[in-house]
Amino acid sequence: AATWHAVEQDGMPGMDEDGTLARRSCEGGQISLPELLLVRRELVDTRLEYLSRLLEVAEAAIEQDAASGVLQ
């Protein structure tokens, strides 16, 4: 979980910045619309993977609590 916390603290804000920079690059004519859409797709995929991992961690914690009798 600590690894994902580090990603959330360090990586997620950077992803937002990457999206903003890509949009500005498209507006300025430095990249094309398809390139912008590809960047956005990659950012969405990365966020989805992150959220999937968070769900796995939460489910594992619930299973552990249930097995140890914490949840009754």
C-alpha atoms as a PDB file:
ATOM      1  CA  ALA A   1       0.000   0.000   0.000  1.00  0.00           C
ATOM      2  CA  ALA A   2       2.906   2.341   0.662  1.00  0.00           C
ATOM      3  CA  THR A   3       3.974   2.058  -2.964  1.00  0.00           C
ATOM      4  CA  TRP A   4       0.542   3.156  -4.170  1.00  0.00           C
ATOM      5  CA  HIS A   5       0.483   5.945  -1.602  1.00  0.00           C
ATOM      6  CA  ALA A   6       3.756   7.219  -3.076  1.00  0.00           C
ATOM      7  CA  VAL A   7       2.292   7.052  -6.573  1.00  0.00           C
ATOM      8  CA  GLU A   8      -0.750   8.983  -5.405  1.00  0.00           C
ATOM      9  CA  GLN A   9       1.350  11.656  -3.714  1.00  0.00           C
ATOM     10  CA  ASP A  10       4.099  11.950  -6.311  1.00  0.00           C
ATOM     11  CA  GLY A  11       2.710  10.623  -9.570  1.00  0.00           C
ATOM     12  CA  MET A  12      -0.936  11.547  -9.740  1.00  0.00           C
ATOM     13  CA  PRO A  13      -0.444  15.340  -9.608  1.00  0.00           C
ATOM     14  CA  GLY A  14       2.210  14.937 -12.309  1.00  0.00           C
ATOM     15  CA  MET A  15      -0.282  13.103 -14.472  1.00  0.00           C
ATOM     16  CA  ASP A  16      -2.664  16.039 -14.239  1.00  0.00           C
ATOM     17  CA  GLU A  17       0.171  18.340 -15.235  1.00  0.00           C
ATOM     18  CA  ASP A  18       1.040  16.055 -18.166  1.00  0.00           C
ATOM     19  CA  GLY A  19      -2.544  16.267 -19.390  1.00  0.00           C
ATOM     20  CA  THR A  20      -2.517  20.050 -19.132  1.00  0.00           C
ATOM     21  CA  LEU A  21       0.792  20.312 -20.975  1.00  0.00           C
ATOM     22  CA  ALA A  22      -0.430  18.003 -23.731  1.00  0.00           C
ATOM     23  CA  ARG A  23      -3.604  20.069 -24.158  1.00  0.00           C
ATOM     24  CA  ARG A  24      -1.568  23.274 -24.371  1.00  0.00           C
ATOM     25  CA  SER A  25       0.777  21.664 -26.876  1.00  0.00           C
ATOM     26  CA  CYS A  26      -2.192  20.741 -29.035  1.00  0.00           C
ATOM     27  CA  GLU A  27      -3.645  24.238 -28.766  1.00  0.00           C
ATOM     28  CA  GLY A  28      -0.253  25.654 -29.751  1.00  0.00           C
ATOM     29  CA  GLY A  29       0.042  23.362 -32.755  1.00  0.00           C
ATOM     30  CA  GLN A  30       3.012  21.411 -31.355  1.00  0.00           C
ATOM     31  CA  ILE A  31       1.117  18.116 -31.333  1.00  0.00           C
ATOM     32  CA  SER A  32      -1.892  16.946 -33.307  1.00  0.00           C
ATOM     33  CA  LEU A  33      -5.329  16.114 -31.936  1.00  0.00           C
ATOM     34  CA  PRO A  34      -4.751  12.358 -32.367  1.00  0.00           C
ATOM     35  CA  GLU A  35      -1.523  12.699 -30.358  1.00  0.00           C
ATOM     36  CA  LEU A  36      -3.412  14.561 -27.628  1.00  0.00           C
ATOM     37  CA  LEU A  37      -6.076  11.882 -27.540  1.00  0.00           C
ATOM     38  CA  LEU A  38      -3.385   9.206 -27.260  1.00  0.00           C
ATOM     39  CA  VAL A  39      -1.818  11.021 -24.290  1.00  0.00           C
ATOM     40  CA  ARG A  40      -5.212  11.345 -22.631  1.00  0.00           C
ATOM     41  CA  ARG A  41      -5.953   7.664 -23.252  1.00  0.00           C
ATOM     42  CA  GLU A  42      -2.663   6.678 -21.641  1.00  0.00           C
ATOM     43  CA  LEU A  43      -3.429   8.883 -18.629  1.00  0.00           C
ATOM     44  CA  VAL A  44      -6.883   7.318 -18.268  1.00  0.00           C
ATOM     45  CA  ASP A  45      -5.384   3.820 -18.534  1.00  0.00           C
ATOM     46  CA  THR A  46      -2.832   4.665 -15.852  1.00  0.00           C
ATOM     47  CA  ARG A  47      -5.519   6.050 -13.527  1.00  0.00           C
ATOM     48  CA  LEU A  48      -7.655   2.951 -14.108  1.00  0.00           C
ATOM     49  CA  GLU A  49      -4.727   0.680 -13.254  1.00  0.00           C
ATOM     50  CA  TYR A  50      -4.055   2.708 -10.103  1.00  0.00           C
ATOM     51  CA  LEU A  51      -7.697   2.478  -9.019  1.00  0.00           C
ATOM     52  CA  SER A  52      -7.756  -1.257  -9.737  1.00  0.00           C
ATOM     53  CA  ARG A  53      -4.743  -1.725  -7.478  1.00  0.00           C
ATOM     54  CA  LEU A  54      -6.364   0.361  -4.735  1.00  0.00           C
ATOM     55  CA  LEU A  55      -9.453  -1.833  -4.971  1.00  0.00           C
ATOM     56  CA  GLU A  56      -7.316  -4.970  -4.669  1.00  0.00           C
ATOM     57  CA  VAL A  57      -5.624  -3.582  -1.559  1.00  0.00           C
ATOM     58  CA  ALA A  58      -8.971  -2.643   0.005  1.00  0.00           C
ATOM     59  CA  GLU A  59     -10.449  -6.060  -0.763  1.00  0.00           C
ATOM     60  CA  ALA A  60      -7.419  -7.812   0.709  1.00  0.00           C
ATOM     61  CA  ALA A  61      -7.705  -5.723   3.887  1.00  0.00           C
ATOM     62  CA  ILE A  62     -11.392  -6.606   4.206  1.00  0.00           C
ATOM     63  CA  GLU A  63     -10.653 -10.301   3.663  1.00  0.00           C
ATOM     64  CA  GLN A  64      -7.898 -10.167   6.284  1.00  0.00           C
ATOM     65  CA  ASP A  65     -10.190  -8.427   8.774  1.00  0.00           C
ATOM     66  CA  ALA A  66     -12.933 -10.977   8.123  1.00  0.00           C
ATOM     67  CA  ALA A  67     -10.532 -13.907   8.545  1.00  0.00           C
ATOM     68  CA  SER A  68      -9.150 -12.523  11.794  1.00  0.00           C
ATOM     69  CA  GLY A  69     -12.635 -11.954  13.232  1.00  0.00           C
ATOM     70  CA  VAL A  70     -12.489  -8.166  13.208  1.00  0.00           C
ATOM     71  CA  LEU A  71     -15.585  -8.084  10.984  1.00  0.00           C
ATOM     72  CA  GLN A  72     -18.528  -9.886  12.526  1.00  0.00           C
END
